[in-house]
């Protein structure tokens, strides 16, 4: 029987393995602490485990570490990590990217922020017209080990500066790879894992409606929803997912979420020149979000070859923001980072950029 990657296991799965091996279930927490918190690279280092248990772990599991094959550095301090993933256990070989972003947004208190944007799939099957990753199509889902491995690699590259925030806004649709993403979130937030506060993790979705309440029920992370249009005709043209889950279904699902007090849903809105950036669009967006505890993140379009869109002029984005704010909607403008290495929002396509 082939060995499994131990970083793919949840605590419950490893507890079941321990019980089958005749070990107490608490051993699972000890093992996972070695794997994730202490960063052990082999089972022999796990000194508080018996020699026989370490041998059993080595016989049943692998412990491989993800490392970038290339790192591109942007003029603004953004760093893009390219990973090559092997095609073991029936999985297809793939390439993915993560991005280290200093000062993710210009907000009070954000000066020392370092955000790691990670991928949940290689490629993406959602087909959004303004995203370079969509042009790749879906290559395959990532495993929990491949998701969490990006965080470990990003932390190592950033050291001694700490990674303060993690966002699932890289390649892929996180909710289309739900079980692996949930396991990865458990590992990232657990004390025996990476001990990242759920308040500092955001999962972004194009709007896979059935999975949204599951995410809120299963985790305490922040939710971001990619909206980018104010009518179904417009959104279906830009984001094919709208044909399955139109705006009303999506927003009704968001309204039904049992959000904790003072927590908001972030709605991401990519600003496309002459497409969705008019004053009428802004006023429709106000009406759509009425009654929701919402924050709107306006994202200037980041160009890529063959995109077919242009970015909205800065003054048009500012006017859009002003209309939202005048009607009581909290709205920010995301500053594009890493454009010169194709690392900005919507530009990830697993291509080796020149440093």
Protein backbone atom coordinates (compact mmCIF):
# COMPACT_ATOMS: atom_id res chain seq x y z
CA UNK A 1 0.00 0.00 0.00
CA UNK A 2 1.51 3.40 -0.96
CA UNK A 3 2.42 5.76 1.82
CA UNK A 4 0.17 8.78 2.40
CA UNK A 5 1.34 12.33 2.94
CA UNK A 6 0.83 13.01 6.64
CA UNK A 7 0.23 16.73 6.04
CA UNK A 8 -3.00 15.82 4.22
CA UNK A 9 -4.52 14.39 7.41
CA UNK A 10 -6.88 16.15 9.75
CA UNK A 11 -6.47 15.56 13.47
CA UNK A 12 -9.50 13.26 13.43
CA UNK A 13 -8.01 11.13 10.65
CA UNK A 14 -4.69 10.84 12.47
CA UNK A 15 -6.46 10.00 15.73
CA UNK A 16 -8.18 7.13 13.92
CA UNK A 17 -4.81 5.94 12.61
CA UNK A 18 -3.34 6.08 16.13
CA UNK A 19 -6.23 4.07 17.53
CA UNK A 20 -5.82 1.43 14.82
CA UNK A 21 -2.08 1.29 15.64
CA UNK A 22 -2.81 0.69 19.32
CA UNK A 23 -1.70 4.17 20.34
CA UNK A 24 -3.67 6.64 22.49
CA UNK A 25 -5.50 9.26 20.46
CA UNK A 26 -3.59 12.13 22.06
CA UNK A 27 -0.52 11.00 20.15
CA UNK A 28 -2.11 12.53 17.06
CA UNK A 29 -1.81 16.03 18.53
CA UNK A 30 1.82 15.38 19.45
CA UNK A 31 2.61 14.15 15.95
CA UNK A 32 0.85 17.06 14.26
CA UNK A 33 2.65 19.56 16.48
CA UNK A 34 5.96 18.11 15.27
CA UNK A 35 4.82 18.22 11.65
CA UNK A 36 3.34 21.73 11.62
CA UNK A 37 4.32 23.83 14.64
CA UNK A 38 7.87 22.54 15.11
CA UNK A 39 8.54 21.96 11.42
CA UNK A 40 10.12 18.50 11.73
CA UNK A 41 11.44 17.25 8.39
CA UNK A 42 11.49 13.56 9.32
CA UNK A 43 9.82 11.30 11.83
CA UNK A 44 13.09 10.39 13.56
CA UNK A 45 13.21 13.89 15.09
CA UNK A 46 9.97 13.36 17.04
CA UNK A 47 11.77 12.68 20.30
CA UNK A 48 8.76 12.34 22.61
CA UNK A 49 7.42 9.41 20.56
CA UNK A 50 8.53 5.84 20.99
CA UNK A 51 11.00 4.38 18.51
CA UNK A 52 8.39 1.85 17.37
CA UNK A 53 5.80 4.58 16.71
CA UNK A 54 8.32 6.63 14.73
CA UNK A 55 9.12 3.56 12.66
CA UNK A 56 5.40 2.94 12.06
CA UNK A 57 4.91 6.56 10.97
CA UNK A 58 7.83 6.29 8.57
CA UNK A 59 6.39 3.10 7.11
CA UNK A 60 2.90 4.53 6.59
CA UNK A 61 3.48 8.20 5.75
CA UNK A 62 5.63 10.63 3.80
CA UNK A 63 6.68 14.06 5.05
CA UNK A 64 7.60 16.16 2.03
CA UNK A 65 8.01 19.92 2.09
CA UNK A 66 6.87 22.28 -0.63
CA UNK A 67 9.52 24.73 -1.83
CA UNK A 68 9.34 27.39 -4.55
CA UNK A 69 11.30 26.74 -7.73
CA UNK A 70 11.41 30.44 -8.53
CA UNK A 71 10.78 33.72 -6.70
CA UNK A 72 10.10 36.96 -8.58
CA UNK A 73 10.59 40.31 -6.85
CA UNK A 74 8.54 43.36 -7.78
CA UNK A 75 9.68 46.95 -7.44
CA UNK A 76 7.09 47.58 -4.69
CA UNK A 77 8.30 44.72 -2.48
CA UNK A 78 5.75 42.15 -3.62
CA UNK A 79 7.20 38.66 -4.09
CA UNK A 80 5.69 35.91 -6.24
CA UNK A 81 6.48 32.26 -5.51
CA UNK A 82 6.23 29.63 -8.24
CA UNK A 83 5.80 26.00 -7.17
CA UNK A 84 5.97 22.85 -9.28
CA UNK A 85 3.79 20.07 -7.91
CA UNK A 86 4.56 16.42 -8.69
CA UNK A 87 1.91 14.13 -10.11
CA UNK A 88 1.94 11.46 -7.43
CA UNK A 89 -0.95 9.28 -6.28
CA UNK A 90 -2.95 9.81 -9.45
CA UNK A 91 -2.70 13.62 -9.29
CA UNK A 92 -1.58 15.48 -12.40
CA UNK A 93 1.66 17.48 -12.30
CA UNK A 94 0.85 21.15 -11.87
CA UNK A 95 2.27 24.60 -11.28
CA UNK A 96 0.84 27.12 -8.82
CA UNK A 97 1.71 30.55 -7.49
CA UNK A 98 1.53 32.37 -4.16
CA UNK A 99 2.17 36.04 -3.50
CA UNK A 100 3.66 37.86 -0.51
CA UNK A 101 2.14 41.33 -0.37
CA UNK A 102 3.41 44.01 2.02
CA UNK A 103 0.66 46.34 3.27
CA UNK A 104 -2.25 44.62 1.53
CA UNK A 105 -4.55 47.65 1.88
CA UNK A 106 -4.07 51.26 2.88
CA UNK A 107 -5.96 51.26 6.14
CA UNK A 108 -5.27 52.56 9.59
CA UNK A 109 -3.08 50.08 11.41
CA UNK A 110 -2.11 48.22 8.24
CA UNK A 111 1.44 49.60 8.04
CA UNK A 112 3.11 46.43 9.30
CA UNK A 113 0.82 44.01 7.49
CA UNK A 114 2.31 41.27 5.34
CA UNK A 115 -0.31 39.22 3.52
CA UNK A 116 0.26 35.86 1.87
CA UNK A 117 -2.11 35.15 -1.01
CA UNK A 118 -2.33 31.40 -1.60
CA UNK A 119 -3.86 29.06 -4.18
CA UNK A 120 -6.40 26.30 -3.60
CA UNK A 121 -6.39 24.83 -7.13
CA UNK A 122 -4.00 24.66 -10.03
CA UNK A 123 -5.78 26.75 -12.62
CA UNK A 124 -9.48 27.48 -12.23
CA UNK A 125 -12.67 26.22 -13.82
CA UNK A 126 -14.89 29.23 -13.07
CA UNK A 127 -14.20 31.06 -16.34
CA UNK A 128 -14.21 34.67 -15.11
CA UNK A 129 -13.36 36.82 -18.11
CA UNK A 130 -11.19 39.31 -16.22
CA UNK A 131 -8.88 36.69 -14.65
CA UNK A 132 -5.74 35.23 -16.23
CA UNK A 133 -5.99 32.08 -14.12
CA UNK A 134 -9.33 31.26 -15.77
CA UNK A 135 -7.57 31.04 -19.14
CA UNK A 136 -5.65 28.01 -17.81
CA UNK A 137 -8.82 26.05 -17.07
CA UNK A 138 -8.86 23.73 -14.08
CA UNK A 139 -5.78 21.50 -13.95
CA UNK A 140 -6.55 19.88 -10.59
CA UNK A 141 -7.45 20.48 -6.96
CA UNK A 142 -4.69 20.95 -4.41
CA UNK A 143 -4.29 18.68 -1.41
CA UNK A 144 -4.25 20.07 2.15
CA UNK A 145 -0.47 19.52 2.20
CA UNK A 146 -0.08 21.60 -0.97
CA UNK A 147 -2.25 24.39 0.41
CA UNK A 148 -0.58 24.51 3.83
CA UNK A 149 2.84 24.06 2.24
CA UNK A 150 2.48 27.46 0.57
CA UNK A 151 2.11 29.07 3.99
CA UNK A 152 5.17 27.32 5.36
CA UNK A 153 7.21 28.35 2.32
CA UNK A 154 5.91 31.92 2.45
CA UNK A 155 6.77 32.24 6.12
CA UNK A 156 10.28 30.93 5.52
CA UNK A 157 10.83 33.38 2.66
CA UNK A 158 9.48 36.34 4.66
CA UNK A 159 11.45 35.61 7.86
CA UNK A 160 12.23 37.30 10.16
CA UNK A 161 9.21 39.42 9.23
CA UNK A 162 6.01 37.58 10.22
CA UNK A 163 3.21 36.81 7.80
CA UNK A 164 0.25 38.55 9.45
CA UNK A 165 -2.61 37.60 7.11
CA UNK A 166 -3.47 34.72 4.78
CA UNK A 167 -5.97 35.12 1.94
CA UNK A 168 -7.33 32.37 -0.30
CA UNK A 169 -7.36 34.68 -3.31
CA UNK A 170 -4.73 33.04 -5.49
CA UNK A 171 -5.33 30.48 -8.19
CA UNK A 172 -8.59 28.53 -8.06
CA UNK A 173 -12.00 28.64 -6.40
CA UNK A 174 -11.57 27.57 -2.74
CA UNK A 175 -15.17 26.38 -2.27
CA UNK A 176 -14.86 24.08 -5.29
CA UNK A 177 -12.16 22.23 -3.33
CA UNK A 178 -14.05 22.42 -0.07
CA UNK A 179 -12.83 19.44 1.95
CA UNK A 180 -9.15 20.10 1.27
CA UNK A 181 -9.57 23.81 2.05
CA UNK A 182 -11.43 23.06 5.27
CA UNK A 183 -8.71 20.63 6.41
CA UNK A 184 -6.07 23.23 5.55
CA UNK A 185 -7.96 25.88 7.53
CA UNK A 186 -8.10 23.56 10.55
CA UNK A 187 -4.32 23.10 10.33
CA UNK A 188 -3.62 26.81 9.84
CA UNK A 189 -5.74 27.89 12.83
CA UNK A 190 -4.99 25.07 15.32
CA UNK A 191 -2.60 25.60 18.22
CA UNK A 192 -0.79 22.42 17.19
CA UNK A 193 -0.62 23.81 13.65
CA UNK A 194 0.20 27.33 12.48
CA UNK A 195 -1.85 29.09 15.19
CA UNK A 196 -3.09 31.82 12.83
CA UNK A 197 -6.13 33.65 14.13
CA UNK A 198 -9.21 33.02 11.97
CA UNK A 199 -9.69 36.81 11.99
CA UNK A 200 -6.55 37.04 9.87
CA UNK A 201 -7.66 34.52 7.24
CA UNK A 202 -10.00 35.35 4.37
CA UNK A 203 -11.54 32.90 1.90
CA UNK A 204 -12.72 34.40 -1.39
CA UNK A 205 -15.38 32.79 -3.58
CA UNK A 206 -17.04 33.60 -6.89
CA UNK A 207 -20.30 32.63 -5.20
CA UNK A 208 -20.78 28.87 -4.91
CA UNK A 209 -23.97 29.34 -2.93
CA UNK A 210 -24.41 25.89 -1.31
CA UNK A 211 -20.89 25.94 0.15
CA UNK A 212 -21.05 29.44 1.66
CA UNK A 213 -23.13 28.55 4.76
CA UNK A 214 -20.95 25.45 5.24
CA UNK A 215 -17.84 27.60 5.39
CA UNK A 216 -19.39 29.92 7.97
CA UNK A 217 -20.66 26.98 10.05
CA UNK A 218 -17.38 25.03 9.90
CA UNK A 219 -14.89 27.86 10.39
CA UNK A 220 -14.51 31.35 11.84
CA UNK A 221 -12.60 32.84 8.91
CA UNK A 222 -13.62 35.91 6.94
CA UNK A 223 -15.70 35.60 3.78
CA UNK A 224 -15.10 37.57 0.59
CA UNK A 225 -17.47 37.29 -2.38
CA UNK A 226 -16.45 38.28 -5.90
CA UNK A 227 -19.38 40.27 -7.29
CA UNK A 228 -18.08 42.57 -10.07
CA UNK A 229 -21.50 43.28 -11.60
CA UNK A 230 -24.92 44.59 -10.62
CA UNK A 231 -27.22 42.75 -13.05
CA UNK A 232 -27.42 39.06 -13.90
CA UNK A 233 -26.98 39.74 -17.62
CA UNK A 234 -23.79 41.65 -16.94
CA UNK A 235 -22.46 39.23 -14.34
CA UNK A 236 -23.19 36.12 -16.39
CA UNK A 237 -21.15 37.63 -19.21
CA UNK A 238 -18.22 38.36 -16.88
CA UNK A 239 -18.63 35.45 -14.46
CA UNK A 240 -20.36 32.33 -15.84
CA UNK A 241 -21.10 31.09 -12.29
CA UNK A 242 -24.01 33.58 -12.28
CA UNK A 243 -25.91 31.26 -14.61
CA UNK A 244 -26.02 28.68 -11.82
CA UNK A 245 -26.22 31.03 -8.86
CA UNK A 246 -27.71 34.40 -9.89
CA UNK A 247 -27.37 37.53 -7.83
CA UNK A 248 -30.58 37.11 -5.86
CA UNK A 249 -29.69 33.57 -4.75
CA UNK A 250 -26.17 34.67 -3.86
CA UNK A 251 -27.20 37.73 -1.88
CA UNK A 252 -30.08 35.92 -0.16
CA UNK A 253 -27.57 33.30 0.99
CA UNK A 254 -25.31 36.04 2.32
CA UNK A 255 -28.20 37.69 4.17
CA UNK A 256 -29.07 34.39 5.84
CA UNK A 257 -25.58 33.88 7.28
CA UNK A 258 -25.41 34.02 11.09
CA UNK A 259 -22.54 36.51 11.20
CA UNK A 260 -21.04 37.44 14.56
CA UNK A 261 -21.56 41.03 15.68
CA UNK A 262 -19.29 43.57 14.00
CA UNK A 263 -18.32 41.11 11.28
CA UNK A 264 -18.91 42.03 7.65
CA UNK A 265 -18.86 40.21 4.34
CA UNK A 266 -16.42 41.69 1.85
CA UNK A 267 -17.73 42.05 -1.69
CA UNK A 268 -14.96 42.31 -4.27
CA UNK A 269 -15.71 44.40 -7.33
CA UNK A 270 -13.23 44.45 -10.21
CA UNK A 271 -13.43 47.82 -11.94
CA UNK A 272 -13.56 47.35 -15.71
CA UNK A 273 -13.46 50.48 -17.84
CA UNK A 274 -16.75 51.11 -19.65
CA UNK A 275 -18.14 47.77 -18.47
CA UNK A 276 -19.28 47.98 -14.84
CA UNK A 277 -17.92 51.27 -13.52
CA UNK A 278 -20.71 53.77 -14.19
CA UNK A 279 -22.71 55.79 -11.68
CA UNK A 280 -25.77 53.66 -12.43
CA UNK A 281 -23.74 50.55 -11.54
CA UNK A 282 -22.75 52.12 -8.23
CA UNK A 283 -26.35 52.98 -7.36
CA UNK A 284 -27.53 49.47 -8.26
CA UNK A 285 -24.81 48.06 -6.03
CA UNK A 286 -26.09 50.17 -3.14
CA UNK A 287 -29.56 48.71 -3.63
CA UNK A 288 -28.26 45.14 -3.93
CA UNK A 289 -26.37 45.38 -0.66
CA UNK A 290 -29.15 47.06 1.30
CA UNK A 291 -29.55 45.40 4.69
CA UNK A 292 -26.27 43.49 4.48
CA UNK A 293 -23.34 44.07 6.80
CA UNK A 294 -21.01 44.57 3.89
CA UNK A 295 -17.72 46.08 2.88
CA UNK A 296 -16.97 46.67 -0.80
CA UNK A 297 -13.41 46.29 -2.01
CA UNK A 298 -13.02 48.06 -5.36
CA UNK A 299 -10.23 46.38 -7.34
CA UNK A 300 -8.71 48.20 -10.32
CA UNK A 301 -8.47 45.74 -13.21
CA UNK A 302 -4.95 44.39 -13.66
CA UNK A 303 -4.21 43.76 -17.36
CA UNK A 304 -2.80 40.56 -18.83
CA UNK A 305 -2.16 39.51 -22.44
CA UNK A 306 -5.37 38.99 -24.41
CA UNK A 307 -7.63 40.12 -21.57
CA UNK A 308 -10.01 42.21 -23.69
CA UNK A 309 -10.66 44.68 -20.84
CA UNK A 310 -9.14 47.97 -19.74
CA UNK A 311 -8.83 49.40 -16.26
CA UNK A 312 -11.27 52.06 -15.12
CA UNK A 313 -9.74 55.53 -14.89
CA UNK A 314 -8.74 56.44 -11.37
CA UNK A 315 -11.20 59.32 -11.17
CA UNK A 316 -14.04 57.00 -12.20
CA UNK A 317 -13.15 54.54 -9.44
CA UNK A 318 -13.06 57.41 -6.94
CA UNK A 319 -16.51 58.58 -8.06
CA UNK A 320 -17.86 55.02 -7.75
CA UNK A 321 -16.47 54.82 -4.22
CA UNK A 322 -17.95 58.20 -3.30
CA UNK A 323 -21.45 57.11 -4.36
CA UNK A 324 -21.21 54.00 -2.21
CA UNK A 325 -19.95 55.94 0.78
CA UNK A 326 -22.60 58.64 0.37
CA UNK A 327 -25.20 55.90 0.77
CA UNK A 328 -23.60 54.37 3.85
CA UNK A 329 -21.71 51.51 2.19
CA UNK A 330 -18.18 51.03 3.50
CA UNK A 331 -15.96 51.00 0.40
CA UNK A 332 -12.20 50.83 -0.07
CA UNK A 333 -9.96 50.82 -3.13
CA UNK A 334 -7.41 48.03 -3.28
CA UNK A 335 -3.99 49.21 -4.35
CA UNK A 336 -2.56 47.00 -7.08
CA UNK A 337 0.72 45.42 -6.06
CA UNK A 338 3.24 43.43 -8.08
CA UNK A 339 1.93 44.30 -11.56
CA UNK A 340 5.45 44.33 -12.99
CA UNK A 341 5.84 40.61 -12.19
CA UNK A 342 2.23 39.66 -13.05
CA UNK A 343 1.47 39.08 -9.38
CA UNK A 344 -1.52 41.41 -8.94
CA UNK A 345 -5.12 40.30 -8.48
CA UNK A 346 -6.31 38.35 -11.52
CA UNK A 347 -2.87 37.98 -13.09
CA UNK A 348 -1.70 34.62 -11.71
CA UNK A 349 -1.10 32.10 -14.47
CA UNK A 350 1.85 30.01 -13.19
CA UNK A 351 4.29 31.69 -15.55
CA UNK A 352 7.91 32.30 -14.63
CA UNK A 353 8.31 36.06 -14.46
CA UNK A 354 11.62 37.79 -14.96
CA UNK A 355 13.00 39.17 -11.70
